[in-house]
Amino acid sequence: MKRILILVPLVVLSLAGTAGAHQACTFGLFIGDGAAYEQPAPHCEGPTDVVQVQASNSSDILLTATGEVWTRGDNRAGQLGNGTFTSSASWVKAAIPAGRFIVSIGQVRNSSIAIDSKGRVFAWGEGTTGSLCIRTPSTGIALPTEVTSLAPYDIVAESGGGAHSMWLTSLGTVYACGVKGPSGLPESEKGPAETPMQVPGLAHVVEVQGSGASCAREESGAVYCWGANEQGQIGVGYKSENVQTPTKVPLPGPASQIYQGGDNGSNGSSGAIVENQLYTWGCDTHQNCKTEDHLTPYATGLDYGSIAIDAQGTFGVDGEELSAFGNGAHGSLGSGSNAPVPVVTPVPLLAGSSQVSAVAEAGVLLN
C-alpha cells in the first residue's frame, strides 16, 4: 500500500491505495471553508494518481502523475490558484497555464509554488514580504503567475518559511527572496525583497529546508543553518535573535537528510539524519526534540531513515514504519487520542512508509 502523509496545522494526510491508484487521506484538524474540522478517522477523497503532497500553513497542495496541481483549504490570499478567493474544503484544480508539465510543488506562508519540467516557476497567494520573488497586491494573487526573475537559474526545488523562500538550482546554488535575515542575506544587502539573490557561502547543495530558520545540506553531507535562532535552532551553541549567514552545524558525520520545522514564533526545531540516527536541536516546547532545548545537535537514540518536524511533534520512518512523538492535541499525531506521546515510546502510525518531510507547521510522507 502506498501512502503520502502531510501535516498542516494539526492536519494529517496519507496517500493510500493499490498500484496505479493513490489518493490523499486526512485525519486530525483540517482547515477549510473558513472553519476548522476535526477528523478522528482517515477520510479519503480527491485525485487518485497523486505523486507529491505539500502543505502550507493554511492550505494543502497535490501534484498528480499527469503534472496537474490540486489545492484545498484557506483561499483568502488566492493560495488555491483557481482564480477565486473562496476557500474550499474539497480539492480544486489550480489553473496552471496550458502546456506546462509540473514536476515539483512547494510553499511559502499562505502561498503555493509549482515548478515545471523546464525549471520555470509559477507562484500564487500572499507573498506580501516579497517571498514569491514577484510584486504582489495586498489582496494576493489568485492565479498561477510565472516568476520571470527566476527564469535564468533552472530551479529544481523550493522551500519556504513565513516570510522568505529558498530556491535550489540544478547547479547546487541557492537563491532567496523575502525578508533578508531569515533568507540568509544580510539585512543591509541592497535590492528589493522580491529580487532573487544568491545565498553566500554555499556550494553543491542538494537539499534546502526552511521555516523561521533555514538549512541547507551540501553533497558532502555538511549542513549549514541560518535565520531565526531564538530557540537555538541554528545548532551552533547559543541563542540569538537571528544568524544572518549560513553557519556550519557541528554534526558527528555526513547528514543524509535535514529538517527545519516548528512555527515562526515559538517552536523552532531542526533535525538531521546521520547514519540513520536522529539528531535534533532547538526548542522542545511540545517535546518534539525528544528532550529539553539543545543548542547543539543531540543524539536522540532513535534510528530513522527520514524525519519531519512540525509545531506539534516529530515524525520519523524506521524501515517501513512511521512513528511519532510530541503533542497530541486534536489528534495531530494520529495516535487515536489527544494526549502527548512520550519521547521514549514513539507511537507507531503507518506501515509501508519510506520517506517523510515537512515545512513550518506542515509535512509530507511518501513511500
Protein backbone atom coordinates (compact mmCIF):
# COMPACT_ATOMS: atom_id res chain seq x y z
CA MET A 1 0.00 0.00 0.00
CA LYS A 2 1.30 3.45 -0.92
CA ARG A 3 0.91 6.40 1.43
CA ILE A 4 1.75 10.08 1.45
CA LEU A 5 1.32 11.83 4.80
CA ILE A 6 1.03 15.59 5.02
CA LEU A 7 0.81 17.59 8.25
CA VAL A 8 -0.59 21.11 8.15
CA PRO A 9 -1.52 22.97 11.35
CA LEU A 10 -2.60 19.80 13.19
CA VAL A 11 -3.53 18.11 9.89
CA VAL A 12 -2.53 14.70 8.55
CA LEU A 13 -2.98 13.36 5.01
CA SER A 14 -1.92 9.95 3.76
CA LEU A 15 -1.77 8.63 0.23
CA ALA A 16 -3.33 5.18 0.14
CA GLY A 17 -4.43 2.69 -2.46
CA THR A 18 -3.38 -0.06 -4.81
CA ALA A 19 -0.91 0.05 -7.70
CA GLY A 20 -1.78 2.93 -10.00
CA ALA A 21 -4.37 4.43 -7.62
CA HIS A 22 -3.05 6.65 -4.85
CA GLN A 23 -5.34 9.06 -3.01
CA ALA A 24 -4.91 11.57 -0.20
CA CYS A 25 -6.49 10.74 3.16
CA THR A 26 -6.76 13.01 6.20
CA PHE A 27 -7.10 12.82 9.96
CA GLY A 28 -6.61 15.40 12.68
CA LEU A 29 -7.69 19.04 12.45
CA PHE A 30 -8.40 20.25 8.92
CA ILE A 31 -8.83 23.90 7.89
CA GLY A 32 -11.18 24.65 5.01
CA ASP A 33 -14.18 26.82 4.07
CA GLY A 34 -13.02 29.28 6.72
CA ALA A 35 -13.56 26.82 9.57
CA ALA A 36 -11.64 24.04 11.33
CA TYR A 37 -12.79 20.41 11.31
CA GLU A 38 -11.57 17.53 13.45
CA GLN A 39 -11.29 14.23 11.59
CA PRO A 40 -10.61 11.43 14.10
CA ALA A 41 -10.60 8.76 11.37
CA PRO A 42 -8.93 8.83 7.93
CA HIS A 43 -11.05 10.33 5.16
CA CYS A 44 -10.00 9.83 1.52
CA GLU A 45 -11.02 11.94 -1.45
CA GLY A 46 -9.66 13.77 -4.47
CA PRO A 47 -7.35 12.69 -7.34
CA THR A 48 -6.26 9.06 -7.43
CA ASP A 49 -2.85 9.45 -9.14
CA VAL A 50 -1.05 11.63 -6.59
CA VAL A 51 2.78 11.63 -6.64
CA GLN A 52 3.62 14.52 -4.28
CA VAL A 53 1.91 16.40 -1.46
CA GLN A 54 2.88 19.71 0.11
CA ALA A 55 1.33 21.70 2.95
CA SER A 56 1.37 25.39 3.58
CA ASN A 57 0.28 26.89 6.89
CA SER A 58 -3.28 27.30 5.63
CA SER A 59 -3.77 25.04 2.58
CA ASP A 60 -2.71 21.74 1.01
CA ILE A 61 -1.22 21.09 -2.44
CA LEU A 62 -1.20 17.88 -4.50
CA LEU A 63 0.76 17.00 -7.64
CA THR A 64 -0.53 14.22 -9.89
CA ALA A 65 1.32 11.90 -12.25
CA THR A 66 -0.08 13.90 -15.18
CA GLY A 67 1.51 17.16 -13.97
CA GLU A 68 -1.70 18.67 -12.58
CA VAL A 69 -1.82 20.65 -9.33
CA TRP A 70 -4.75 20.42 -6.93
CA THR A 71 -5.28 22.52 -3.79
CA ARG A 72 -7.68 22.94 -0.90
CA GLY A 73 -8.10 24.93 2.31
CA ASP A 74 -7.98 28.65 3.07
CA ASN A 75 -8.08 30.88 -0.04
CA ARG A 76 -8.28 34.40 1.35
CA ALA A 77 -4.99 35.27 -0.38
CA GLY A 78 -5.71 33.27 -3.53
CA GLN A 79 -3.44 30.39 -2.47
CA LEU A 80 -5.68 27.77 -4.13
CA GLY A 81 -4.79 29.19 -7.54
CA ASN A 82 -8.19 28.69 -9.15
CA GLY A 83 -8.90 32.37 -9.90
CA THR A 84 -11.08 33.00 -6.84
CA PHE A 85 -10.66 33.99 -3.21
CA THR A 86 -13.21 31.45 -1.98
CA SER A 87 -11.92 28.82 0.46
CA SER A 88 -12.67 25.16 -0.18
CA ALA A 89 -12.69 22.02 1.97
CA SER A 90 -12.62 19.94 -1.23
CA TRP A 91 -9.81 19.65 -3.75
CA VAL A 92 -9.88 22.19 -6.60
CA LYS A 93 -7.65 22.24 -9.67
CA ALA A 94 -5.12 25.07 -9.85
CA ALA A 95 -5.19 26.93 -13.17
CA ILE A 96 -1.65 26.17 -14.32
CA PRO A 97 -1.02 27.74 -17.77
CA ALA A 98 -1.61 25.36 -20.68
CA GLY A 99 1.37 23.38 -21.93
CA ARG A 100 3.23 23.43 -18.59
CA PHE A 101 4.03 20.00 -17.10
CA ILE A 102 4.60 20.43 -13.37
CA VAL A 103 7.24 18.20 -11.76
CA SER A 104 7.57 19.70 -8.26
CA ILE A 105 5.49 21.74 -5.82
CA GLY A 106 6.36 23.91 -2.81
CA GLN A 107 5.02 26.53 -0.46
CA VAL A 108 5.58 29.81 1.30
CA ARG A 109 3.28 31.16 4.02
CA ASN A 110 -0.25 31.47 2.57
CA SER A 111 1.16 30.77 -0.91
CA SER A 112 1.75 27.93 -3.36
CA ILE A 113 4.61 27.10 -5.74
CA ALA A 114 4.83 24.91 -8.86
CA ILE A 115 7.95 24.12 -10.92
CA ASP A 116 7.66 22.75 -14.45
CA SER A 117 9.85 20.33 -16.41
CA LYS A 118 11.94 23.19 -17.82
CA GLY A 119 12.74 24.77 -14.45
CA ARG A 120 10.17 27.54 -14.79
CA VAL A 121 8.46 28.66 -11.58
CA PHE A 122 4.80 29.57 -11.04
CA ALA A 123 3.58 31.17 -7.81
CA TRP A 124 0.31 32.38 -6.34
CA GLY A 125 -1.09 33.50 -2.98
CA GLU A 126 0.02 36.12 -0.47
CA GLY A 127 3.71 36.93 -1.00
CA THR A 128 3.45 40.37 0.62
CA THR A 129 7.00 40.17 2.03
CA GLY A 130 8.46 39.59 -1.44
CA SER A 131 8.72 35.87 -0.72
CA LEU A 132 7.28 34.89 -4.14
CA CYS A 133 10.03 36.85 -5.93
CA ILE A 134 7.37 39.00 -7.60
CA ARG A 135 5.40 42.06 -6.53
CA THR A 136 2.01 41.06 -5.19
CA PRO A 137 -1.09 43.17 -4.47
CA SER A 138 -2.34 43.35 -0.91
CA THR A 139 -5.21 41.04 -1.85
CA GLY A 140 -2.86 38.30 -3.09
CA ILE A 141 -2.56 36.54 -6.47
CA ALA A 142 -5.42 34.17 -7.33
CA LEU A 143 -3.91 32.60 -10.47
CA PRO A 144 -0.54 30.85 -11.00
CA THR A 145 1.86 33.50 -12.30
CA GLU A 146 5.25 32.82 -13.88
CA VAL A 147 8.15 34.13 -11.80
CA THR A 148 10.32 35.53 -14.58
CA SER A 149 13.04 36.73 -12.19
CA LEU A 150 13.92 33.07 -11.52
CA ALA A 151 13.98 32.05 -15.20
CA PRO A 152 17.80 32.24 -15.59
CA TYR A 153 18.51 29.79 -12.76
CA ASP A 154 16.94 26.41 -13.73
CA ILE A 155 15.11 25.88 -10.42
CA VAL A 156 14.65 22.26 -9.28
CA ALA A 157 13.20 22.68 -5.75
CA GLU A 158 11.82 25.27 -3.33
CA SER A 159 11.40 25.51 0.42
CA GLY A 160 9.76 28.40 2.19
CA GLY A 161 9.29 29.96 5.59
CA GLY A 162 6.91 32.51 6.98
CA ALA A 163 8.46 35.48 5.19
CA HIS A 164 11.05 34.10 2.76
CA SER A 165 11.65 31.45 0.11
CA MET A 166 14.74 29.49 -0.94
CA TRP A 167 15.30 28.20 -4.45
CA LEU A 168 17.67 25.33 -5.27
CA THR A 169 19.16 25.35 -8.77
CA SER A 170 20.41 22.46 -10.90
CA LEU A 171 23.97 23.74 -10.25
CA GLY A 172 23.61 23.33 -6.48
CA THR A 173 23.40 27.03 -5.69
CA VAL A 174 20.69 28.62 -3.55
CA TYR A 175 18.79 31.86 -4.19
CA ALA A 176 16.43 33.58 -1.77
CA CYS A 177 13.64 36.16 -1.79
CA GLY A 178 11.77 37.87 1.02
CA VAL A 179 12.87 39.10 4.43
CA LYS A 180 16.67 39.33 4.31
CA GLY A 181 17.80 37.92 7.70
CA PRO A 182 15.97 34.57 7.62
CA SER A 183 16.73 34.14 3.91
CA GLY A 184 20.47 34.09 4.52
CA LEU A 185 21.10 37.53 3.07
CA PRO A 186 22.41 40.33 5.29
CA GLU A 187 19.67 42.80 6.17
CA SER A 188 21.95 45.56 4.87
CA GLU A 189 22.05 43.93 1.41
CA LYS A 190 20.71 46.30 -1.21
CA GLY A 191 17.84 45.39 -3.51
CA PRO A 192 14.09 44.86 -3.16
CA ALA A 193 12.88 41.80 -1.25
CA GLU A 194 11.33 40.26 -4.38
CA THR A 195 14.68 40.21 -6.24
CA PRO A 196 16.35 36.74 -6.10
CA MET A 197 19.80 36.98 -4.55
CA GLN A 198 22.30 34.15 -4.12
CA VAL A 199 22.84 32.93 -0.57
CA PRO A 200 26.58 33.25 0.15
CA GLY A 201 28.87 30.52 1.46
CA LEU A 202 27.05 27.53 -0.07
CA ALA A 203 28.10 25.17 -2.89
CA HIS A 204 26.95 21.82 -4.28
CA VAL A 205 23.71 21.99 -2.28
CA VAL A 206 21.33 19.04 -2.70
CA GLU A 207 18.60 19.91 -0.16
CA VAL A 208 17.09 23.04 1.37
CA GLN A 209 14.63 23.26 4.27
CA GLY A 210 13.07 26.31 5.85
CA SER A 211 10.61 27.62 8.39
CA GLY A 212 11.52 30.53 10.67
CA ALA A 213 15.10 29.49 10.08
CA SER A 214 16.72 27.89 7.02
CA CYS A 215 19.06 24.94 6.49
CA ALA A 216 20.95 23.54 3.50
CA ARG A 217 22.69 20.19 3.01
CA GLU A 218 25.63 20.02 0.66
CA GLU A 219 26.60 17.00 -1.43
CA SER A 220 29.31 16.18 1.13
CA GLY A 221 26.67 15.86 3.88
CA ALA A 222 27.72 19.09 5.59
CA VAL A 223 24.78 21.08 6.99
CA TYR A 224 24.53 24.87 7.25
CA CYS A 225 21.73 26.77 9.01
CA TRP A 226 20.81 30.46 9.34
CA GLY A 227 17.90 32.73 10.23
CA ALA A 228 15.82 32.80 13.44
CA ASN A 229 17.74 31.47 16.46
CA GLU A 230 15.65 32.40 19.50
CA GLN A 231 15.38 28.71 20.45
CA GLY A 232 18.85 27.68 19.32
CA GLN A 233 17.52 26.15 16.09
CA ILE A 234 20.71 27.06 14.20
CA GLY A 235 22.53 24.47 16.32
CA VAL A 236 25.76 26.40 16.90
CA GLY A 237 25.77 26.55 20.71
CA TYR A 238 23.96 29.79 21.54
CA LYS A 239 20.62 31.61 21.22
CA SER A 240 20.23 34.95 19.44
CA GLU A 241 17.61 36.88 17.54
CA ASN A 242 19.00 35.53 14.27
CA VAL A 243 22.09 34.35 12.45
CA GLN A 244 22.30 36.18 9.14
CA THR A 245 24.71 33.98 7.19
CA PRO A 246 24.92 30.19 6.71
CA THR A 247 26.79 28.63 9.64
CA LYS A 248 28.02 25.04 9.73
CA VAL A 249 26.20 22.76 12.19
CA PRO A 250 28.57 20.55 14.27
CA LEU A 251 27.20 17.11 13.36
CA PRO A 252 29.25 13.93 14.03
CA GLY A 253 29.23 12.91 10.36
CA PRO A 254 27.64 13.49 6.93
CA ALA A 255 23.87 14.02 7.01
CA SER A 256 21.58 12.13 4.64
CA GLN A 257 18.55 14.33 5.33
CA ILE A 258 17.78 17.58 7.15
CA TYR A 259 14.69 19.16 8.55
CA GLN A 260 13.80 22.63 9.83
CA GLY A 261 10.36 22.93 11.36
CA GLY A 262 8.19 24.29 14.13
CA ASP A 263 6.38 27.58 13.76
CA ASN A 264 7.69 31.10 13.29
CA GLY A 265 7.00 32.33 16.78
CA SER A 266 7.89 29.86 19.50
CA ASN A 267 8.68 26.33 18.38
CA GLY A 268 11.80 26.43 16.22
CA SER A 269 13.34 22.96 15.91
CA SER A 270 15.83 21.45 13.49
CA GLY A 271 16.96 17.91 12.81
CA ALA A 272 19.24 15.73 10.72
CA ILE A 273 19.76 12.06 9.97
CA VAL A 274 23.37 10.88 10.41
CA GLU A 275 23.97 7.17 9.81
CA ASN A 276 20.24 6.55 10.32
CA GLN A 277 20.24 8.22 13.76
CA LEU A 278 18.09 11.24 14.52
CA TYR A 279 19.86 14.33 15.84
CA THR A 280 17.77 17.34 16.93
CA TRP A 281 18.43 20.83 18.22
CA GLY A 282 16.38 23.87 19.16
CA CYS A 283 13.09 24.28 21.03
CA ASP A 284 11.25 21.48 22.80
CA THR A 285 8.01 23.27 23.69
CA HIS A 286 5.93 20.29 22.51
CA GLN A 287 8.52 17.55 23.22
CA ASN A 288 9.38 17.40 19.54
CA CYS A 289 13.15 17.44 20.17
CA LYS A 290 12.92 14.38 22.46
CA THR A 291 14.40 16.28 25.40
CA GLU A 292 14.81 19.82 26.71
CA ASP A 293 16.12 22.57 24.46
CA HIS A 294 19.54 21.80 22.98
CA LEU A 295 21.78 24.43 21.41
CA THR A 296 23.85 21.85 19.50
CA PRO A 297 22.82 18.56 17.85
CA TYR A 298 21.61 15.96 20.34
CA ALA A 299 21.66 12.23 19.61
CA THR A 300 18.12 11.02 20.36
CA GLY A 301 18.93 7.32 20.13
CA LEU A 302 16.16 6.88 17.56
CA ASP A 303 17.05 5.18 14.29
CA TYR A 304 15.19 6.84 11.43
CA GLY A 305 15.76 6.91 7.69
CA SER A 306 13.63 10.02 7.22
CA ILE A 307 12.11 12.66 9.50
CA ALA A 308 9.73 15.60 9.71
CA ILE A 309 9.35 18.16 12.49
CA ASP A 310 6.30 20.39 12.77
CA ALA A 311 4.98 22.67 15.51
CA GLN A 312 3.38 19.75 17.35
CA GLY A 313 5.76 16.83 17.15
CA THR A 314 8.38 14.78 15.33
CA PHE A 315 7.63 12.10 12.73
CA GLY A 316 10.16 9.51 11.61
CA VAL A 317 10.39 6.45 9.39
CA ASP A 318 12.29 3.39 10.58
CA GLY A 319 12.36 0.77 7.85
CA GLU A 320 8.78 0.98 6.60
CA GLU A 321 7.20 2.05 9.89
CA LEU A 322 6.13 5.65 10.53
CA SER A 323 6.08 6.71 14.19
CA ALA A 324 5.61 9.97 16.06
CA PHE A 325 6.09 11.66 19.42
CA GLY A 326 5.19 15.06 20.85
CA ASN A 327 1.96 16.97 21.47
CA GLY A 328 -1.20 15.07 20.52
CA ALA A 329 -3.69 17.95 20.56
CA HIS A 330 -6.64 17.47 18.20
CA GLY A 331 -5.30 14.02 17.31
CA SER A 332 -2.42 15.69 15.49
CA LEU A 333 -0.14 12.67 15.94
CA GLY A 334 -2.70 10.25 14.56
CA SER A 335 -2.43 8.21 17.75
CA GLY A 336 -6.17 8.00 18.36
CA SER A 337 -6.07 10.38 21.32
CA ASN A 338 -5.33 14.00 22.19
CA ALA A 339 -2.70 13.05 24.80
CA PRO A 340 1.00 13.78 24.36
CA VAL A 341 3.13 10.82 23.29
CA PRO A 342 6.25 10.34 25.47
CA VAL A 343 9.51 10.68 23.59
CA VAL A 344 10.77 7.33 24.89
CA THR A 345 7.86 5.46 23.30
CA PRO A 346 7.07 6.92 19.85
CA VAL A 347 3.64 5.77 18.72
CA PRO A 348 3.57 3.63 15.52
CA LEU A 349 1.30 5.14 12.87
CA LEU A 350 1.60 3.67 9.38
CA ALA A 351 3.38 0.67 7.89
CA GLY A 352 4.69 0.62 4.33
CA SER A 353 6.29 4.07 4.63
CA SER A 354 9.72 5.17 3.44
CA GLN A 355 10.03 8.96 3.41
CA VAL A 356 8.75 11.93 5.42
CA SER A 357 9.36 15.68 5.20
CA ALA A 358 7.78 18.93 6.44
CA VAL A 359 7.74 22.72 6.13
CA ALA A 360 6.95 25.09 9.02
CA GLU A 361 3.81 23.50 10.54
CA ALA A 362 3.47 21.05 7.65
CA GLY A 363 4.94 17.76 6.47
CA VAL A 364 4.85 15.04 3.85
CA LEU A 365 5.34 11.28 3.96
CA LEU A 366 5.92 9.36 0.74
CA ASN A 367 6.65 5.67 0.20
